[in-house]
Amino acid sequence: MYYYGGLPVKGSRRKGRLWVEEAQLFFQVPASKKGEKIDLTIPFSRMERISLTRDNYYGSDTVLFNLAFRDQKGKSFTLRFAPVTIVPRRRIFLQEQWFEFLTEAIPSSQ
């Protein structure tokens, strides 16, 4: 996946990893010359909502996931990311699958 911003760290549009285990979402982006390292574990109970937006920055229609959550102090953040796929024709289909999974998982944990 690509990190598109939303966190108080430097550097956006960087490649990273996003995965789900049990009732937690894990999000990691390595440090680079342009940005800091990101290493998050977000329990589903801290997630508030997920929405979709479109980005056409590079001339390709990419769906961005906007995941709103609260940290331990109660401060709200909106993590923006986009899935990376190898086969472009299937990109929209795979993004829709991710969106459906997360929208079902978030409300069921609250």
PDB file of N, CA and C in Angstrom:
ATOM      1  N   MET A   1       0.827  -1.169   0.000  1.00  0.00           N
ATOM      2  CA  MET A   1       0.000   0.000   0.000  1.00  0.00           C
ATOM      3  C   MET A   1       0.876   1.238   0.000  1.00  0.00           C
ATOM      4  N   TYR A   2       0.311   2.339  -0.380  1.00  0.00           N
ATOM      5  CA  TYR A   2       1.005   3.622  -0.348  1.00  0.00           C
ATOM      6  C   TYR A   2       0.398   4.493   0.732  1.00  0.00           C
ATOM      7  N   TYR A   3       1.261   5.092   1.543  1.00  0.00           N
ATOM      8  CA  TYR A   3       0.823   6.043   2.561  1.00  0.00           C
ATOM      9  C   TYR A   3       0.655   7.400   1.898  1.00  0.00           C
ATOM     10  N   TYR A   4      -0.501   8.017   2.051  1.00  0.00           N
ATOM     11  CA  TYR A   4      -0.784   9.300   1.418  1.00  0.00           C
ATOM     12  C   TYR A   4      -0.876  10.446   2.416  1.00  0.00           C
ATOM     13  N   GLY A   5      -0.719  10.205   3.699  1.00  0.00           N
ATOM     14  CA  GLY A   5      -0.739  11.291   4.669  1.00  0.00           C
ATOM     15  C   GLY A   5      -1.792  11.107   5.738  1.00  0.00           C
ATOM     16  N   GLY A   6      -1.909  12.148   6.563  1.00  0.00           N
ATOM     17  CA  GLY A   6      -2.899  12.158   7.630  1.00  0.00           C
ATOM     18  C   GLY A   6      -2.305  12.033   9.017  1.00  0.00           C
ATOM     19  N   LEU A   7      -1.033  11.684   9.107  1.00  0.00           N
ATOM     20  CA  LEU A   7      -0.381  11.537  10.402  1.00  0.00           C
ATOM     21  C   LEU A   7       0.616  12.681  10.598  1.00  0.00           C
ATOM     22  N   PRO A   8       0.945  13.024  11.844  1.00  0.00           N
ATOM     23  CA  PRO A   8       1.894  14.130  12.082  1.00  0.00           C
ATOM     24  C   PRO A   8       3.345  13.704  11.887  1.00  0.00           C
ATOM     25  N   VAL A   9       3.671  13.165  10.723  1.00  0.00           N
ATOM     26  CA  VAL A   9       5.043  12.769  10.375  1.00  0.00           C
ATOM     27  C   VAL A   9       5.363  13.330   8.991  1.00  0.00           C
ATOM     28  N   LYS A  10       6.639  13.478   8.719  1.00  0.00           N
ATOM     29  CA  LYS A  10       7.065  13.996   7.414  1.00  0.00           C
ATOM     30  C   LYS A  10       7.008  12.896   6.365  1.00  0.00           C
ATOM     31  N   GLY A  11       6.721  13.303   5.145  1.00  0.00           N
ATOM     32  CA  GLY A  11       6.781  12.383   4.011  1.00  0.00           C
ATOM     33  C   GLY A  11       5.472  11.683   3.721  1.00  0.00           C
ATOM     34  N   SER A  12       4.964  11.890   2.526  1.00  0.00           N
ATOM     35  CA  SER A  12       3.757  11.179   2.099  1.00  0.00           C
ATOM     36  C   SER A  12       4.041  10.492   0.777  1.00  0.00           C
ATOM     37  N   ARG A  13       3.070   9.757   0.277  1.00  0.00           N
ATOM     38  CA  ARG A  13       3.195   8.957  -0.952  1.00  0.00           C
ATOM     39  C   ARG A  13       4.406   8.047  -0.884  1.00  0.00           C
ATOM     40  N   ARG A  14       4.443   7.261   0.193  1.00  0.00           N
ATOM     41  CA  ARG A  14       5.539   6.308   0.390  1.00  0.00           C
ATOM     42  C   ARG A  14       4.964   4.907   0.499  1.00  0.00           C
ATOM     43  N   LYS A  15       5.703   3.948   0.013  1.00  0.00           N
ATOM     44  CA  LYS A  15       5.269   2.558   0.021  1.00  0.00           C
ATOM     45  C   LYS A  15       5.470   1.946   1.407  1.00  0.00           C
ATOM     46  N   GLY A  16       4.478   1.182   1.858  1.00  0.00           N
ATOM     47  CA  GLY A  16       4.554   0.536   3.160  1.00  0.00           C
ATOM     48  C   GLY A  16       3.716  -0.731   3.200  1.00  0.00           C
ATOM     49  N   ARG A  17       3.487  -1.220   4.425  1.00  0.00           N
ATOM     50  CA  ARG A  17       2.706  -2.452   4.630  1.00  0.00           C
ATOM     51  C   ARG A  17       1.509  -2.163   5.510  1.00  0.00           C
ATOM     52  N   LEU A  18       0.406  -2.810   5.197  1.00  0.00           N
ATOM     53  CA  LEU A  18      -0.808  -2.723   5.993  1.00  0.00           C
ATOM     54  C   LEU A  18      -1.384  -4.117   6.075  1.00  0.00           C
ATOM     55  N   TRP A  19      -1.685  -4.606   7.285  1.00  0.00           N
ATOM     56  CA  TRP A  19      -2.300  -5.915   7.420  1.00  0.00           C
ATOM     57  C   TRP A  19      -3.173  -5.941   8.664  1.00  0.00           C
ATOM     58  N   VAL A  20      -4.033  -6.935   8.729  1.00  0.00           N
ATOM     59  CA  VAL A  20      -4.977  -7.085   9.827  1.00  0.00           C
ATOM     60  C   VAL A  20      -4.736  -8.428  10.494  1.00  0.00           C
ATOM     61  N   GLU A  21      -4.654  -8.421  11.821  1.00  0.00           N
ATOM     62  CA  GLU A  21      -4.570  -9.629  12.633  1.00  0.00           C
ATOM     63  C   GLU A  21      -5.551  -9.482  13.780  1.00  0.00           C
ATOM     64  N   GLU A  22      -6.399 -10.485  13.932  1.00  0.00           N
ATOM     65  CA  GLU A  22      -7.435 -10.479  14.963  1.00  0.00           C
ATOM     66  C   GLU A  22      -8.228  -9.185  14.869  1.00  0.00           C
ATOM     67  N   ALA A  23      -8.240  -8.362  15.914  1.00  0.00           N
ATOM     68  CA  ALA A  23      -9.035  -7.125  15.913  1.00  0.00           C
ATOM     69  C   ALA A  23      -8.141  -5.900  15.872  1.00  0.00           C
ATOM     70  N   GLN A  24      -7.009  -6.005  15.150  1.00  0.00           N
ATOM     71  CA  GLN A  24      -6.084  -4.885  15.051  1.00  0.00           C
ATOM     72  C   GLN A  24      -5.591  -4.708  13.625  1.00  0.00           C
ATOM     73  N   LEU A  25      -5.365  -3.449  13.274  1.00  0.00           N
ATOM     74  CA  LEU A  25      -4.795  -3.119  11.982  1.00  0.00           C
ATOM     75  C   LEU A  25      -3.354  -2.671  12.227  1.00  0.00           C
ATOM     76  N   PHE A  26      -2.419  -3.242  11.478  1.00  0.00           N
ATOM     77  CA  PHE A  26      -1.005  -2.900  11.603  1.00  0.00           C
ATOM     78  C   PHE A  26      -0.601  -2.111  10.365  1.00  0.00           C
ATOM     79  N   PHE A  27       0.171  -1.065  10.581  1.00  0.00           N
ATOM     80  CA  PHE A  27       0.542  -0.161   9.508  1.00  0.00           C
ATOM     81  C   PHE A  27       2.003   0.231   9.686  1.00  0.00           C
ATOM     82  N   GLN A  28       2.845  -0.088   8.694  1.00  0.00           N
ATOM     83  CA  GLN A  28       4.271   0.219   8.777  1.00  0.00           C
ATOM     84  C   GLN A  28       4.765   0.830   7.468  1.00  0.00           C
ATOM     85  N   VAL A  29       5.538   1.909   7.619  1.00  0.00           N
ATOM     86  CA  VAL A  29       6.205   2.542   6.490  1.00  0.00           C
ATOM     87  C   VAL A  29       7.645   2.787   6.940  1.00  0.00           C
ATOM     88  N   PRO A  30       8.637   2.287   6.193  1.00  0.00           N
ATOM     89  CA  PRO A  30      10.034   2.482   6.615  1.00  0.00           C
ATOM     90  C   PRO A  30      10.476   3.942   6.481  1.00  0.00           C
ATOM     91  N   ALA A  31      11.496   4.296   7.236  1.00  0.00           N
ATOM     92  CA  ALA A  31      12.073   5.644   7.143  1.00  0.00           C
ATOM     93  C   ALA A  31      12.738   5.804   5.776  1.00  0.00           C
ATOM     94  N   SER A  32      12.756   7.017   5.291  1.00  0.00           N
ATOM     95  CA  SER A  32      13.402   7.319   4.015  1.00  0.00           C
ATOM     96  C   SER A  32      14.009   8.715   4.101  1.00  0.00           C
ATOM     97  N   LYS A  33      14.658   9.127   3.036  1.00  0.00           N
ATOM     98  CA  LYS A  33      15.226  10.478   3.000  1.00  0.00           C
ATOM     99  C   LYS A  33      14.139  11.541   3.103  1.00  0.00           C
ATOM    100  N   LYS A  34      12.957  11.214   2.586  1.00  0.00           N
ATOM    101  CA  LYS A  34      11.859  12.180   2.561  1.00  0.00           C
ATOM    102  C   LYS A  34      10.920  12.083   3.757  1.00  0.00           C
ATOM    103  N   GLY A  35      11.034  11.034   4.567  1.00  0.00           N
ATOM    104  CA  GLY A  35      10.062  10.894   5.643  1.00  0.00           C
ATOM    105  C   GLY A  35      10.494  10.010   6.777  1.00  0.00           C
ATOM    106  N   GLU A  36       9.784  10.160   7.879  1.00  0.00           N
ATOM    107  CA  GLU A  36      10.043   9.402   9.092  1.00  0.00           C
ATOM    108  C   GLU A  36       9.425   8.006   9.019  1.00  0.00           C
ATOM    109  N   LYS A  37       9.892   7.132   9.891  1.00  0.00           N
ATOM    110  CA  LYS A  37       9.336   5.783  10.004  1.00  0.00           C
ATOM    111  C   LYS A  37       7.957   5.869  10.661  1.00  0.00           C
ATOM    112  N   ILE A  38       7.043   5.030  10.172  1.00  0.00           N
ATOM    113  CA  ILE A  38       5.705   4.935  10.752  1.00  0.00           C
ATOM    114  C   ILE A  38       5.492   3.486  11.172  1.00  0.00           C
ATOM    115  N   ASP A  39       5.091   3.287  12.416  1.00  0.00           N
ATOM    116  CA  ASP A  39       4.821   1.939  12.926  1.00  0.00           C
ATOM    117  C   ASP A  39       3.619   2.032  13.862  1.00  0.00           C
ATOM    118  N   LEU A  40       2.441   1.702  13.345  1.00  0.00           N
ATOM    119  CA  LEU A  40       1.200   1.829  14.104  1.00  0.00           C
ATOM    120  C   LEU A  40       0.530   0.485  14.322  1.00  0.00           C
ATOM    121  N   THR A  41      -0.120   0.369  15.453  1.00  0.00           N
ATOM    122  CA  THR A  41      -1.044  -0.724  15.727  1.00  0.00           C
ATOM    123  C   THR A  41      -2.336  -0.060  16.170  1.00  0.00           C
ATOM    124  N   ILE A  42      -3.399  -0.239  15.387  1.00  0.00           N
ATOM    125  CA  ILE A  42      -4.667   0.424  15.673  1.00  0.00           C
ATOM    126  C   ILE A  42      -5.723  -0.634  15.969  1.00  0.00           C
ATOM    127  N   PRO A  43      -6.191  -0.728  17.219  1.00  0.00           N
ATOM    128  CA  PRO A  43      -7.282  -1.656  17.521  1.00  0.00           C
ATOM    129  C   PRO A  43      -8.566  -1.199  16.829  1.00  0.00           C
ATOM    130  N   PHE A  44      -9.377  -2.131  16.377  1.00  0.00           N
ATOM    131  CA  PHE A  44     -10.636  -1.771  15.726  1.00  0.00           C
ATOM    132  C   PHE A  44     -11.497  -0.898  16.636  1.00  0.00           C
ATOM    133  N   SER A  45     -11.380  -1.074  17.947  1.00  0.00           N
ATOM    134  CA  SER A  45     -12.194  -0.298  18.882  1.00  0.00           C
ATOM    135  C   SER A  45     -11.858   1.192  18.830  1.00  0.00           C
ATOM    136  N   ARG A  46     -10.680   1.563  18.338  1.00  0.00           N
ATOM    137  CA  ARG A  46     -10.293   2.982  18.236  1.00  0.00           C
ATOM    138  C   ARG A  46     -10.643   3.586  16.875  1.00  0.00           C
ATOM    139  N   MET A  47     -11.106   2.747  15.948  1.00  0.00           N
ATOM    140  CA  MET A  47     -11.464   3.236  14.619  1.00  0.00           C
ATOM    141  C   MET A  47     -12.872   3.808  14.659  1.00  0.00           C
ATOM    142  N   GLU A  48     -13.036   4.940  13.995  1.00  0.00           N
ATOM    143  CA  GLU A  48     -14.326   5.616  14.006  1.00  0.00           C
ATOM    144  C   GLU A  48     -15.096   5.456  12.705  1.00  0.00           C
ATOM    145  N   ARG A  49     -14.391   5.610  11.596  1.00  0.00           N
ATOM    146  CA  ARG A  49     -15.083   5.464  10.297  1.00  0.00           C
ATOM    147  C   ARG A  49     -14.043   5.277   9.193  1.00  0.00           C
ATOM    148  N   ILE A  50     -14.526   4.795   8.072  1.00  0.00           N
ATOM    149  CA  ILE A  50     -13.689   4.665   6.884  1.00  0.00           C
ATOM    150  C   ILE A  50     -14.484   5.205   5.705  1.00  0.00           C
ATOM    151  N   SER A  51     -13.799   5.945   4.847  1.00  0.00           N
ATOM    152  CA  SER A  51     -14.464   6.499   3.674  1.00  0.00           C
ATOM    153  C   SER A  51     -13.506   6.419   2.486  1.00  0.00           C
ATOM    154  N   LEU A  52     -14.038   6.644   1.320  1.00  0.00           N
ATOM    155  CA  LEU A  52     -13.239   6.605   0.095  1.00  0.00           C
ATOM    156  C   LEU A  52     -13.176   7.983  -0.546  1.00  0.00           C
ATOM    157  N   THR A  53     -12.033   8.301  -1.121  1.00  0.00           N
ATOM    158  CA  THR A  53     -11.883   9.483  -1.973  1.00  0.00           C
ATOM    159  C   THR A  53     -11.084   9.057  -3.195  1.00  0.00           C
ATOM    160  N   ARG A  54     -11.055   9.895  -4.183  1.00  0.00           N
ATOM    161  CA  ARG A  54     -10.305   9.590  -5.408  1.00  0.00           C
ATOM    162  C   ARG A  54      -9.107  10.525  -5.514  1.00  0.00           C
ATOM    163  N   ASP A  55      -8.019  10.013  -6.068  1.00  0.00           N
ATOM    164  CA  ASP A  55      -6.826  10.808  -6.308  1.00  0.00           C
ATOM    165  C   ASP A  55      -6.400  10.590  -7.748  1.00  0.00           C
ATOM    166  N   ASN A  56      -6.200  11.666  -8.462  1.00  0.00           N
ATOM    167  CA  ASN A  56      -5.790  11.575  -9.856  1.00  0.00           C
ATOM    168  C   ASN A  56      -4.466  12.311 -10.061  1.00  0.00           C
ATOM    169  N   TYR A  57      -3.618  12.317  -9.036  1.00  0.00           N
ATOM    170  CA  TYR A  57      -2.368  13.079  -9.041  1.00  0.00           C
ATOM    171  C   TYR A  57      -1.422  12.658 -10.161  1.00  0.00           C
ATOM    172  N   TYR A  58      -1.279  11.361 -10.380  1.00  0.00           N
ATOM    173  CA  TYR A  58      -0.361  10.865 -11.405  1.00  0.00           C
ATOM    174  C   TYR A  58      -1.075  10.477 -12.695  1.00  0.00           C
ATOM    175  N   GLY A  59      -2.310  10.888 -12.851  1.00  0.00           N
ATOM    176  CA  GLY A  59      -3.051  10.580 -14.056  1.00  0.00           C
ATOM    177  C   GLY A  59      -3.722   9.220 -14.034  1.00  0.00           C
ATOM    178  N   SER A  60      -3.643   8.526 -12.897  1.00  0.00           N
ATOM    179  CA  SER A  60      -4.347   7.248 -12.774  1.00  0.00           C
ATOM    180  C   SER A  60      -5.380   7.386 -11.670  1.00  0.00           C
ATOM    181  N   ASP A  61      -6.535   6.867 -11.916  1.00  0.00           N
ATOM    182  CA  ASP A  61      -7.635   6.994 -10.964  1.00  0.00           C
ATOM    183  C   ASP A  61      -7.409   6.023  -9.810  1.00  0.00           C
ATOM    184  N   THR A  62      -6.991   6.539  -8.668  1.00  0.00           N
ATOM    185  CA  THR A  62      -6.686   5.716  -7.507  1.00  0.00           C
ATOM    186  C   THR A  62      -7.699   5.989  -6.411  1.00  0.00           C
ATOM    187  N   VAL A  63      -8.192   4.943  -5.788  1.00  0.00           N
ATOM    188  CA  VAL A  63      -9.084   5.081  -4.647  1.00  0.00           C
ATOM    189  C   VAL A  63      -8.234   5.207  -3.395  1.00  0.00           C
ATOM    190  N   LEU A  64      -8.480   6.249  -2.614  1.00  0.00           N
ATOM    191  CA  LEU A  64      -7.804   6.422  -1.335  1.00  0.00           C
ATOM    192  C   LEU A  64      -8.753   6.030  -0.218  1.00  0.00           C
ATOM    193  N   PHE A  65      -8.238   5.281   0.739  1.00  0.00           N
ATOM    194  CA  PHE A  65      -8.983   4.927   1.933  1.00  0.00           C
ATOM    195  C   PHE A  65      -8.656   5.946   3.004  1.00  0.00           C
ATOM    196  N   ASN A  66      -9.665   6.495   3.646  1.00  0.00           N
ATOM    197  CA  ASN A  66      -9.494   7.451   4.729  1.00  0.00           C
ATOM    198  C   ASN A  66     -10.000   6.780   5.999  1.00  0.00           C
ATOM    199  N   LEU A  67      -9.098   6.416   6.866  1.00  0.00           N
ATOM    200  CA  LEU A  67      -9.432   5.685   8.085  1.00  0.00           C
ATOM    201  C   LEU A  67      -9.284   6.623   9.277  1.00  0.00           C
ATOM    202  N   ALA A  68     -10.401   7.028   9.878  1.00  0.00           N
ATOM    203  CA  ALA A  68     -10.380   7.911  11.046  1.00  0.00           C
ATOM    204  C   ALA A  68     -10.286   7.055  12.307  1.00  0.00           C
ATOM    205  N   PHE A  69      -9.363   7.452  13.192  1.00  0.00           N
ATOM    206  CA  PHE A  69      -9.191   6.736  14.454  1.00  0.00           C
ATOM    207  C   PHE A  69      -8.692   7.699  15.521  1.00  0.00           C
ATOM    208  N   ARG A  70      -8.739   7.261  16.766  1.00  0.00           N
ATOM    209  CA  ARG A  70      -8.248   8.061  17.886  1.00  0.00           C
ATOM    210  C   ARG A  70      -7.058   7.358  18.531  1.00  0.00           C
ATOM    211  N   ASP A  71      -6.056   8.163  18.916  1.00  0.00           N
ATOM    212  CA  ASP A  71      -4.901   7.586  19.608  1.00  0.00           C
ATOM    213  C   ASP A  71      -5.224   7.397  21.091  1.00  0.00           C
ATOM    214  N   GLN A  72      -4.231   6.987  21.874  1.00  0.00           N
ATOM    215  CA  GLN A  72      -4.444   6.707  23.296  1.00  0.00           C
ATOM    216  C   GLN A  72      -4.878   7.952  24.064  1.00  0.00           C
ATOM    217  N   LYS A  73      -4.499   9.130  23.592  1.00  0.00           N
ATOM    218  CA  LYS A  73      -4.857  10.382  24.265  1.00  0.00           C
ATOM    219  C   LYS A  73      -6.204  10.921  23.796  1.00  0.00           C
ATOM    220  N   GLY A  74      -6.822  10.252  22.831  1.00  0.00           N
ATOM    221  CA  GLY A  74      -8.116  10.676  22.324  1.00  0.00           C
ATOM    222  C   GLY A  74      -8.050  11.638  21.145  1.00  0.00           C
ATOM    223  N   LYS A  75      -6.850  11.930  20.651  1.00  0.00           N
ATOM    224  CA  LYS A  75      -6.713  12.825  19.506  1.00  0.00           C
ATOM    225  C   LYS A  75      -7.092  12.076  18.228  1.00  0.00           C
ATOM    226  N   SER A  76      -7.842  12.749  17.366  1.00  0.00           N
ATOM    227  CA  SER A  76      -8.336  12.126  16.141  1.00  0.00           C
ATOM    228  C   SER A  76      -7.358  12.316  14.984  1.00  0.00           C
ATOM    229  N   PHE A  77      -7.173  11.253  14.190  1.00  0.00           N
ATOM    230  CA  PHE A  77      -6.342  11.277  12.994  1.00  0.00           C
ATOM    231  C   PHE A  77      -7.106  10.600  11.868  1.00  0.00           C
ATOM    232  N   THR A  78      -6.785  10.980  10.643  1.00  0.00           N
ATOM    233  CA  THR A  78      -7.342  10.305   9.470  1.00  0.00           C
ATOM    234  C   THR A  78      -6.181   9.803   8.624  1.00  0.00           C
ATOM    235  N   LEU A  79      -5.952   8.517   8.686  1.00  0.00           N
ATOM    236  CA  LEU A  79      -4.894   7.865   7.930  1.00  0.00           C
ATOM    237  C   LEU A  79      -5.365   7.682   6.493  1.00  0.00           C
ATOM    238  N   ARG A  80      -4.587   8.155   5.531  1.00  0.00           N
ATOM    239  CA  ARG A  80      -4.937   8.032   4.118  1.00  0.00           C
ATOM    240  C   ARG A  80      -3.963   7.080   3.452  1.00  0.00           C
ATOM    241  N   PHE A  81      -4.502   6.048   2.783  1.00  0.00           N
ATOM    242  CA  PHE A  81      -3.653   5.079   2.108  1.00  0.00           C
ATOM    243  C   PHE A  81      -4.348   4.528   0.879  1.00  0.00           C
ATOM    244  N   ALA A  82      -3.548   3.942  -0.003  1.00  0.00           N
ATOM    245  CA  ALA A  82      -4.073   3.333  -1.221  1.00  0.00           C
ATOM    246  C   ALA A  82      -3.391   1.991  -1.418  1.00  0.00           C
ATOM    247  N   PRO A  83      -4.143   0.957  -1.775  1.00  0.00           N
ATOM    248  CA  PRO A  83      -3.541  -0.352  -2.027  1.00  0.00           C
ATOM    249  C   PRO A  83      -2.678  -0.347  -3.289  1.00  0.00           C
ATOM    250  N   VAL A  84      -1.678  -1.191  -3.287  1.00  0.00           N
ATOM    251  CA  VAL A  84      -0.814  -1.379  -4.450  1.00  0.00           C
ATOM    252  C   VAL A  84      -1.129  -2.753  -5.012  1.00  0.00           C
ATOM    253  N   THR A  85      -1.381  -2.813  -6.299  1.00  0.00           N
ATOM    254  CA  THR A  85      -1.633  -4.103  -6.939  1.00  0.00           C
ATOM    255  C   THR A  85      -0.740  -4.244  -8.147  1.00  0.00           C
ATOM    256  N   ILE A  86      -0.486  -5.472  -8.525  1.00  0.00           N
ATOM    257  CA  ILE A  86       0.394  -5.748  -9.662  1.00  0.00           C
ATOM    258  C   ILE A  86      -0.365  -5.632 -10.985  1.00  0.00           C
ATOM    259  N   VAL A  87      -1.600  -6.071 -11.013  1.00  0.00           N
ATOM    260  CA  VAL A  87      -2.385  -6.069 -12.245  1.00  0.00           C
ATOM    261  C   VAL A  87      -3.330  -4.862 -12.218  1.00  0.00           C
ATOM    262  N   PRO A  88      -3.060  -3.810 -13.002  1.00  0.00           N
ATOM    263  CA  PRO A  88      -3.865  -2.585 -12.942  1.00  0.00           C
ATOM    264  C   PRO A  88      -5.357  -2.792 -13.192  1.00  0.00           C
ATOM    265  N   ARG A  89      -5.721  -3.728 -14.072  1.00  0.00           N
ATOM    266  CA  ARG A  89      -7.146  -3.938 -14.358  1.00  0.00           C
ATOM    267  C   ARG A  89      -7.913  -4.369 -13.126  1.00  0.00           C
ATOM    268  N   ARG A  90      -7.234  -5.048 -12.215  1.00  0.00           N
ATOM    269  CA  ARG A  90      -7.919  -5.556 -11.032  1.00  0.00           C
ATOM    270  C   ARG A  90      -7.816  -4.599  -9.847  1.00  0.00           C
ATOM    271  N   ARG A  91      -7.152  -3.454 -10.044  1.00  0.00           N
ATOM    272  CA  ARG A  91      -6.919  -2.538  -8.927  1.00  0.00           C
ATOM    273  C   ARG A  91      -8.229  -2.088  -8.268  1.00  0.00           C
ATOM    274  N   ILE A  92      -9.173  -1.615  -9.041  1.00  0.00           N
ATOM    275  CA  ILE A  92     -10.427  -1.122  -8.474  1.00  0.00           C
ATOM    276  C   ILE A  92     -11.166  -2.247  -7.758  1.00  0.00           C
ATOM    277  N   PHE A  93     -11.200  -3.444  -8.345  1.00  0.00           N
ATOM    278  CA  PHE A  93     -11.862  -4.579  -7.706  1.00  0.00           C
ATOM    279  C   PHE A  93     -11.231  -4.897  -6.359  1.00  0.00           C
ATOM    280  N   LEU A  94      -9.903  -4.947  -6.295  1.00  0.00           N
ATOM    281  CA  LEU A  94      -9.226  -5.257  -5.036  1.00  0.00           C
ATOM    282  C   LEU A  94      -9.428  -4.156  -4.002  1.00  0.00           C
ATOM    283  N   GLN A  95      -9.464  -2.903  -4.441  1.00  0.00           N
ATOM    284  CA  GLN A  95      -9.725  -1.805  -3.518  1.00  0.00           C
ATOM    285  C   GLN A  95     -11.125  -1.915  -2.938  1.00  0.00           C
ATOM    286  N   GLU A  96     -12.080  -2.281  -3.759  1.00  0.00           N
ATOM    287  CA  GLU A  96     -13.445  -2.452  -3.271  1.00  0.00           C
ATOM    288  C   GLU A  96     -13.520  -3.591  -2.248  1.00  0.00           C
ATOM    289  N   GLN A  97     -12.779  -4.676  -2.479  1.00  0.00           N
ATOM    290  CA  GLN A  97     -12.754  -5.784  -1.519  1.00  0.00           C
ATOM    291  C   GLN A  97     -12.197  -5.340  -0.169  1.00  0.00           C
ATOM    292  N   TRP A  98     -11.098  -4.574  -0.190  1.00  0.00           N
ATOM    293  CA  TRP A  98     -10.515  -4.041   1.045  1.00  0.00           C
ATOM    294  C   TRP A  98     -11.513  -3.164   1.778  1.00  0.00           C
ATOM    295  N   PHE A  99     -12.179  -2.284   1.037  1.00  0.00           N
ATOM    296  CA  PHE A  99     -13.146  -1.366   1.627  1.00  0.00           C
ATOM    297  C   PHE A  99     -14.277  -2.142   2.287  1.00  0.00           C
ATOM    298  N   GLU A 100     -14.805  -3.140   1.611  1.00  0.00           N
ATOM    299  CA  GLU A 100     -15.882  -3.942   2.181  1.00  0.00           C
ATOM    300  C   GLU A 100     -15.430  -4.656   3.443  1.00  0.00           C
ATOM    301  N   PHE A 101     -14.229  -5.227   3.432  1.00  0.00           N
ATOM    302  CA  PHE A 101     -13.712  -5.911   4.617  1.00  0.00           C
ATOM    303  C   PHE A 101     -13.606  -4.950   5.804  1.00  0.00           C
ATOM    304  N   LEU A 102     -13.003  -3.793   5.588  1.00  0.00           N
ATOM    305  CA  LEU A 102     -12.810  -2.850   6.694  1.00  0.00           C
ATOM    306  C   LEU A 102     -14.123  -2.257   7.188  1.00  0.00           C
ATOM    307  N   THR A 103     -15.061  -1.945   6.287  1.00  0.00           N
ATOM    308  CA  THR A 103     -16.329  -1.378   6.733  1.00  0.00           C
ATOM    309  C   THR A 103     -17.147  -2.386   7.525  1.00  0.00           C
ATOM    310  N   GLU A 104     -16.994  -3.675   7.252  1.00  0.00           N
ATOM    311  CA  GLU A 104     -17.665  -4.697   8.055  1.00  0.00           C
ATOM    312  C   GLU A 104     -16.950  -4.936   9.380  1.00  0.00           C
ATOM    313  N   ALA A 105     -15.625  -4.889   9.374  1.00  0.00           N
ATOM    314  CA  ALA A 105     -14.850  -5.177  10.574  1.00  0.00           C
ATOM    315  C   ALA A 105     -14.930  -4.082  11.624  1.00  0.00           C
ATOM    316  N   ILE A 106     -14.947  -2.826  11.194  1.00  0.00           N
ATOM    317  CA  ILE A 106     -14.936  -1.714  12.155  1.00  0.00           C
ATOM    318  C   ILE A 106     -16.211  -1.667  12.993  1.00  0.00           C
ATOM    319  N   PRO A 107     -17.409  -1.636  12.417  1.00  0.00           N
ATOM    320  CA  PRO A 107     -18.604  -1.565  13.268  1.00  0.00           C
ATOM    321  C   PRO A 107     -18.805  -2.809  14.133  1.00  0.00           C
ATOM    322  N   SER A 108     -18.396  -3.968  13.656  1.00  0.00           N
ATOM    323  CA  SER A 108     -18.636  -5.197  14.413  1.00  0.00           C
ATOM    324  C   SER A 108     -17.766  -5.279  15.653  1.00  0.00           C
ATOM    325  N   SER A 109     -16.702  -4.481  15.738  1.00  0.00           N
ATOM    326  CA  SER A 109     -15.835  -4.530  16.901  1.00  0.00           C
ATOM    327  C   SER A 109     -16.240  -3.526  17.964  1.00  0.00           C
ATOM    328  N   GLN A 110     -17.169  -2.657  17.663  1.00  0.00           N
ATOM    329  CA  GLN A 110     -17.549  -1.615  18.633  1.00  0.00           C
ATOM    330  C   GLN A 110     -18.767  -2.000  19.417  1.00  0.00           C
TER     331      GLN A 110
END
